[in-house]
Amino acid sequence: MMTWLPLVACFFGGVFSANAIPHFVAGTMGRPFQTPFAKPSGIGLSSSTVNVVWGFFNAVVAYLLLAHAGSFDLRTRSHILTFALGALLISLFAARHFGQFHGGTTSPRP
């Protein structure tokens, strides 16, 4: 196997891990939130049940990428940094994208 493939798995493992959190939390709190299944996709709201399932699916994909496809090692600096980069980038994207719907793109003025 090529040496960069485990890093790709770590990167996308970070993406899917970070994406699982807001969906699972919103769903378990009983709140609707945007998912790819809403109309319009990524803009409309999906039910809390759909969000729990979508969050859980993302967590399973992250696990498969980290534990099986990439053989993630917590002691390997390149694995941690690549995982963190994936998580950071999807989190920044989500903050900007979903912030426009929930008032999070601007800070309140004192």
Protein backbone atom coordinates (compact mmCIF):
# COMPACT_ATOMS: atom_id res chain seq x y z
CA MET A 1 0.00 0.00 0.00
CA MET A 2 1.19 3.53 -0.71
CA THR A 3 2.36 5.52 2.29
CA TRP A 4 -0.11 8.39 1.79
CA LEU A 5 -3.27 6.27 1.85
CA PRO A 6 -3.31 5.96 5.67
CA LEU A 7 -3.09 9.76 5.85
CA VAL A 8 -6.06 10.11 3.49
CA ALA A 9 -8.00 7.74 5.77
CA CYS A 10 -6.95 9.81 8.82
CA PHE A 11 -8.02 13.05 7.13
CA PHE A 12 -11.46 11.77 6.17
CA GLY A 13 -11.77 10.01 9.53
CA GLY A 14 -11.41 13.47 11.08
CA VAL A 15 -13.97 14.90 8.67
CA PHE A 16 -16.56 12.22 9.44
CA SER A 17 -15.84 12.34 13.20
CA ALA A 18 -16.37 16.08 13.40
CA ASN A 19 -19.46 15.91 11.18
CA ALA A 20 -21.03 13.26 13.42
CA ILE A 21 -21.01 15.51 16.49
CA PRO A 22 -23.49 18.31 15.58
CA HIS A 23 -25.97 15.90 13.99
CA PHE A 24 -25.91 13.44 16.86
CA VAL A 25 -26.11 16.19 19.50
CA ALA A 26 -28.94 18.08 17.76
CA GLY A 27 -30.82 14.83 17.27
CA THR A 28 -30.46 13.63 20.84
CA MET A 29 -31.59 17.06 22.06
CA GLY A 30 -34.72 16.64 19.96
CA ARG A 31 -33.89 19.52 17.65
CA PRO A 32 -34.16 19.59 13.86
CA PHE A 33 -30.99 20.39 11.94
CA GLN A 34 -29.82 20.51 8.34
CA THR A 35 -28.83 17.25 6.63
CA PRO A 36 -28.25 16.21 3.03
CA PHE A 37 -31.72 14.61 3.12
CA ALA A 38 -33.64 17.84 3.79
CA LYS A 39 -35.39 19.83 1.09
CA PRO A 40 -33.46 21.79 -0.13
CA SER A 41 -30.45 19.64 0.64
CA GLY A 42 -28.19 21.09 3.33
CA ILE A 43 -30.48 24.06 3.85
CA GLY A 44 -33.82 22.69 5.00
CA LEU A 45 -34.25 21.01 8.37
CA SER A 46 -34.41 17.28 9.01
CA SER A 47 -36.06 15.70 12.03
CA SER A 48 -34.17 14.87 15.18
CA THR A 49 -34.46 11.17 14.36
CA VAL A 50 -32.86 11.65 10.93
CA ASN A 51 -30.05 13.62 12.61
CA VAL A 52 -29.35 10.85 15.13
CA VAL A 53 -29.17 8.29 12.32
CA TRP A 54 -27.01 10.59 10.15
CA GLY A 55 -24.68 11.36 13.06
CA PHE A 56 -24.37 7.67 13.91
CA PHE A 57 -23.65 6.82 10.27
CA ASN A 58 -20.88 9.43 10.19
CA ALA A 59 -19.37 7.96 13.38
CA VAL A 60 -19.39 4.46 11.86
CA VAL A 61 -17.70 5.69 8.68
CA ALA A 62 -15.08 7.50 10.78
CA TYR A 63 -14.43 4.32 12.75
CA LEU A 64 -14.07 2.25 9.59
CA LEU A 65 -11.67 4.77 8.08
CA LEU A 66 -9.57 5.12 11.22
CA ALA A 67 -9.51 1.56 12.54
CA HIS A 68 -9.60 -0.48 9.35
CA ALA A 69 -8.68 1.52 6.26
CA GLY A 70 -5.98 3.67 7.80
CA SER A 71 -4.79 1.76 10.89
CA PHE A 72 -4.90 4.98 12.93
CA ASP A 73 -2.24 5.23 15.63
CA LEU A 74 -2.60 7.83 18.40
CA ARG A 75 1.18 7.82 18.90
CA THR A 76 1.92 8.75 15.29
CA ARG A 77 2.14 12.51 14.96
CA SER A 78 1.28 12.55 11.25
CA HIS A 79 -1.91 10.57 11.94
CA ILE A 80 -3.01 12.96 14.70
CA LEU A 81 -2.20 16.09 12.70
CA THR A 82 -3.94 14.81 9.57
CA PHE A 83 -7.00 13.75 11.59
CA ALA A 84 -7.07 17.17 13.27
CA LEU A 85 -6.74 18.98 9.94
CA GLY A 86 -9.73 17.10 8.52
CA ALA A 87 -11.79 17.82 11.63
CA LEU A 88 -10.79 21.49 11.65
CA LEU A 89 -11.56 22.08 7.97
CA ILE A 90 -15.02 20.49 8.05
CA SER A 91 -15.77 22.34 11.30
CA LEU A 92 -14.83 25.70 9.79
CA PHE A 93 -16.91 24.93 6.71
CA ALA A 94 -19.89 23.92 8.87
CA ALA A 95 -19.55 27.03 11.04
CA ARG A 96 -19.69 29.28 7.99
CA HIS A 97 -22.39 27.33 6.15
CA PHE A 98 -24.78 26.68 9.06
CA GLY A 99 -23.96 29.97 10.75
CA GLN A 100 -25.85 31.80 8.03
CA PHE A 101 -29.03 29.98 9.10
CA HIS A 102 -28.52 30.18 12.86
CA GLY A 103 -26.98 33.66 13.25
CA GLY A 104 -23.44 32.45 13.85
CA THR A 105 -21.62 34.29 11.05
CA THR A 106 -21.56 37.64 12.83
CA SER A 107 -20.68 38.50 16.40
CA PRO A 108 -23.14 40.58 18.42
CA ARG A 109 -22.14 44.18 18.98
CA PRO A 110 -21.73 45.31 22.59
